[in-house]
Amino acid sequence: MNYDVTVIGEIYQDHVFSGFRSWPSPGEEIFTDAYEWELGGGAVTTACALARLGRSVQIIGVVGQDNFSRIAERLEQFGVGADSIASSSVRSGVSVSISTVEDRTFFTFRGANQELEARLMHDDNLLLKAARSRHVHLAMPLSARLAQHILPKLRAREATTSLDVGHHVGWLQDEASVDVLRAIDYTMPNEKEASILSGDPDQYLERCRSLGLQHAVVKLGRDGAVSLSNGTKHRVRPPTVSVTDTTGAGDAFDAGFIDALLDGVGPREVLERACICGAMSTRAAGALGALPNRPEIRAILEEHYAA
């Protein structure tokens, strides 16, 4: 099957505990009734959000063989193709989130995700599956070595590409990453990540312009987003929503951006639809709890952005 989008990245099982008033003292045990198991990671959120918007989408990643079926079944419930997920003898990645009234704390085990780059380097069949898509989104810190291996093959099949590295400081500070940015069609850092790359979002966009990039975008959270498209800068504020949880909002933004891009609309509407998707994803707890559908996006677009 040829998909609209292939998303490549890390896949996690999220164990989310909340409702704690405070962090326990050493040796202390505290209880909560608020617990949730869900799939997590930027790749999962973006893929599920694209499926909710009506796109045919598959995800490429690596999970442990011990719970491969459970993970694949959950993705398929969202309409995400899981046939290209590889299984490993190493256990699946796990992230534990513990929330108090003040903040959240995360404990993460990368597990089988650490094998993803090697799989992509040595399994040309995976790349062939990805290259059949109209667009390939990389939700990972794409190394220069891996970029040199896979991006020419995707470009040869005329698949457009986007990159959301996430908050990987080592990648963001590595000068070798500049060559990766040059080779990607659309880069999608948030404000903090853009600042690490170039000082602030505007300086980042100017740097992208100087590097010859035709397109770049920076996610600004509650302030919306700003983009550079063929030399023109666009700035969009998000619609007002009742926010419950911002987990995964940036990944949902990516999905809205890609969906609009594939529709062939202008750069400003691409940014508007991305902002809507990101904002609406915050209406419920968890990254996957409130992903919008296409009619919801259209209604907010007409209500909030119509001239």
Foldseek 3Di string as FASTA:
>chain_A
DAWQEEEEAAKEWEWEAEDAADDDDVPDDDDDPDIDIDMDDLSLLLQLLLLQQPTAYEYEAEAAPVCLPVVQVRSVVSNYHDPRYHHDPKHGKYKYWYYHPVGIDIDIDHIRRVCRLVCLQPPVVSLVSRLSHQEYEYEALQALVSLVRRLVVSVVSNRAYEYEHPPPLVSLQDPSCLVVLLSHQEYEEEQVSLCSNANGDVRSQVVCVVSVHQKYKYQDPQQAIWMHHNRDIDGDGADDDDFDAQPNLSSQLVNLLSVVVVVVDDPRVSSHSSRHQSNQCRRDPDNNPGGHYNVSSVVCCCVPPND
